Amino acid sequence: MAEVHVHDGESLESALKRFKRMVLNEEIIKDIKSHAFYLKPGQKQRVKSALARKRDRKKRSREGDSDRSRS
């Protein structure tokens, strides 16, 4: 669980920024979203492979853009 102590003379805004950064690093939001609803093991695998395909497509398109800009 993310916990932030406010130091003497530190503004609340900077403490809030530290807290948000800590929550992102600990992937608390990601964990909450994954537990929001139940997925069967087969569905989990399909979602995982779909995300991998999406990442791969995005990576290929980025590589294609950089090749075009070199010409």
C-alpha atoms as a PDB file:
ATOM      1  CA  MET A   1       0.000   0.000   0.000  1.00  0.00           C
ATOM      2  CA  ALA A   2       1.321   3.396  -0.953  1.00  0.00           C
ATOM      3  CA  GLU A   3       2.002   5.696   1.965  1.00  0.00           C
ATOM      4  CA  VAL A   4       3.488   9.177   1.884  1.00  0.00           C
ATOM      5  CA  HIS A   5       4.558  11.254   4.858  1.00  0.00           C
ATOM      6  CA  VAL A   6       4.501  15.026   4.399  1.00  0.00           C
ATOM      7  CA  HIS A   7       7.856  16.542   5.365  1.00  0.00           C
ATOM      8  CA  ASP A   8       8.220  19.803   7.262  1.00  0.00           C
ATOM      9  CA  GLY A   9       7.824  22.739   4.907  1.00  0.00           C
ATOM     10  CA  GLU A  10       6.681  20.516   2.020  1.00  0.00           C
ATOM     11  CA  SER A  11       3.609  21.613   0.128  1.00  0.00           C
ATOM     12  CA  LEU A  12       0.614  19.348  -0.126  1.00  0.00           C
ATOM     13  CA  GLU A  13       0.863  19.434  -3.928  1.00  0.00           C
ATOM     14  CA  SER A  14       4.380  17.984  -3.962  1.00  0.00           C
ATOM     15  CA  ALA A  15       3.361  15.268  -1.486  1.00  0.00           C
ATOM     16  CA  LEU A  16       0.400  14.437  -3.721  1.00  0.00           C
ATOM     17  CA  LYS A  17       2.723  14.210  -6.738  1.00  0.00           C
ATOM     18  CA  ARG A  18       4.963  11.795  -4.812  1.00  0.00           C
ATOM     19  CA  PHE A  19       1.928   9.722  -3.853  1.00  0.00           C
ATOM     20  CA  LYS A  20       0.685   9.528  -7.456  1.00  0.00           C
ATOM     21  CA  ARG A  21       4.147   8.512  -8.662  1.00  0.00           C
ATOM     22  CA  MET A  22       4.312   5.807  -5.979  1.00  0.00           C
ATOM     23  CA  VAL A  23       0.875   4.462  -6.953  1.00  0.00           C
ATOM     24  CA  LEU A  24       1.979   4.247 -10.603  1.00  0.00           C
ATOM     25  CA  ASN A  25       5.221   2.483  -9.703  1.00  0.00           C
ATOM     26  CA  GLU A  26       3.455  -0.072  -7.499  1.00  0.00           C
ATOM     27  CA  GLU A  27       0.856  -0.675 -10.248  1.00  0.00           C
ATOM     28  CA  ILE A  28      -2.008  -0.425  -7.760  1.00  0.00           C
ATOM     29  CA  ILE A  29      -4.476   0.888 -10.359  1.00  0.00           C
ATOM     30  CA  LYS A  30      -3.545  -1.915 -12.771  1.00  0.00           C
ATOM     31  CA  ASP A  31      -4.176  -4.469 -10.025  1.00  0.00           C
ATOM     32  CA  ILE A  32      -7.557  -2.969  -9.136  1.00  0.00           C
ATOM     33  CA  LYS A  33      -8.645  -3.015 -12.782  1.00  0.00           C
ATOM     34  CA  SER A  34      -7.603  -6.639 -13.181  1.00  0.00           C
ATOM     35  CA  HIS A  35      -9.714  -7.618 -10.166  1.00  0.00           C
ATOM     36  CA  ALA A  36     -12.725  -5.550 -11.248  1.00  0.00           C
ATOM     37  CA  PHE A  37     -14.334  -8.557 -12.958  1.00  0.00           C
ATOM     38  CA  TYR A  38     -13.597 -12.240 -13.396  1.00  0.00           C
ATOM     39  CA  LEU A  39     -12.065 -13.589 -16.587  1.00  0.00           C
ATOM     40  CA  LYS A  40     -11.908 -17.290 -17.293  1.00  0.00           C
ATOM     41  CA  PRO A  41      -8.369 -18.573 -17.867  1.00  0.00           C
ATOM     42  CA  GLY A  42      -9.011 -18.984 -21.610  1.00  0.00           C
ATOM     43  CA  GLN A  43     -10.343 -15.433 -21.864  1.00  0.00           C
ATOM     44  CA  LYS A  44      -7.291 -14.115 -20.003  1.00  0.00           C
ATOM     45  CA  GLN A  45      -5.016 -15.823 -22.530  1.00  0.00           C
ATOM     46  CA  ARG A  46      -6.972 -14.378 -25.478  1.00  0.00           C
ATOM     47  CA  VAL A  47      -6.803 -10.876 -24.007  1.00  0.00           C
ATOM     48  CA  LYS A  48      -3.096 -11.255 -23.334  1.00  0.00           C
ATOM     49  CA  SER A  49      -2.353 -12.426 -26.871  1.00  0.00           C
ATOM     50  CA  ALA A  50      -4.545  -9.660 -28.349  1.00  0.00           C
ATOM     51  CA  LEU A  51      -2.579  -7.046 -26.409  1.00  0.00           C
ATOM     52  CA  ALA A  52       0.685  -8.602 -27.600  1.00  0.00           C
ATOM     53  CA  ARG A  53      -0.523  -8.427 -31.221  1.00  0.00           C
ATOM     54  CA  LYS A  54      -1.534  -4.789 -30.711  1.00  0.00           C
ATOM     55  CA  ARG A  55       1.888  -3.934 -29.260  1.00  0.00           C
ATOM     56  CA  ASP A  56       3.602  -5.709 -32.141  1.00  0.00           C
ATOM     57  CA  ARG A  57       1.516  -3.837 -34.744  1.00  0.00           C
ATOM     58  CA  LYS A  58       2.304  -0.534 -33.039  1.00  0.00           C
ATOM     59  CA  LYS A  59       6.018  -1.372 -32.943  1.00  0.00           C
ATOM     60  CA  ARG A  60       6.038  -2.302 -36.627  1.00  0.00           C
ATOM     61  CA  SER A  61       4.223   0.890 -37.612  1.00  0.00           C
ATOM     62  CA  ARG A  62       6.733   2.972 -35.650  1.00  0.00           C
ATOM     63  CA  GLU A  63       9.617   1.208 -37.389  1.00  0.00           C
ATOM     64  CA  GLY A  64       7.958   1.806 -40.759  1.00  0.00           C
ATOM     65  CA  ASP A  65       7.548   5.517 -39.986  1.00  0.00           C
ATOM     66  CA  SER A  66      11.219   5.865 -39.106  1.00  0.00           C
ATOM     67  CA  ASP A  67      12.235   4.058 -42.317  1.00  0.00           C
ATOM     68  CA  ARG A  68      10.090   6.432 -44.391  1.00  0.00           C
ATOM     69  CA  SER A  69      11.528   9.516 -42.726  1.00  0.00           C
ATOM     70  CA  ARG A  70      15.084   8.369 -43.516  1.00  0.00           C
ATOM     71  CA  SER A  71      14.393   8.328 -47.270  1.00  0.00           C
END
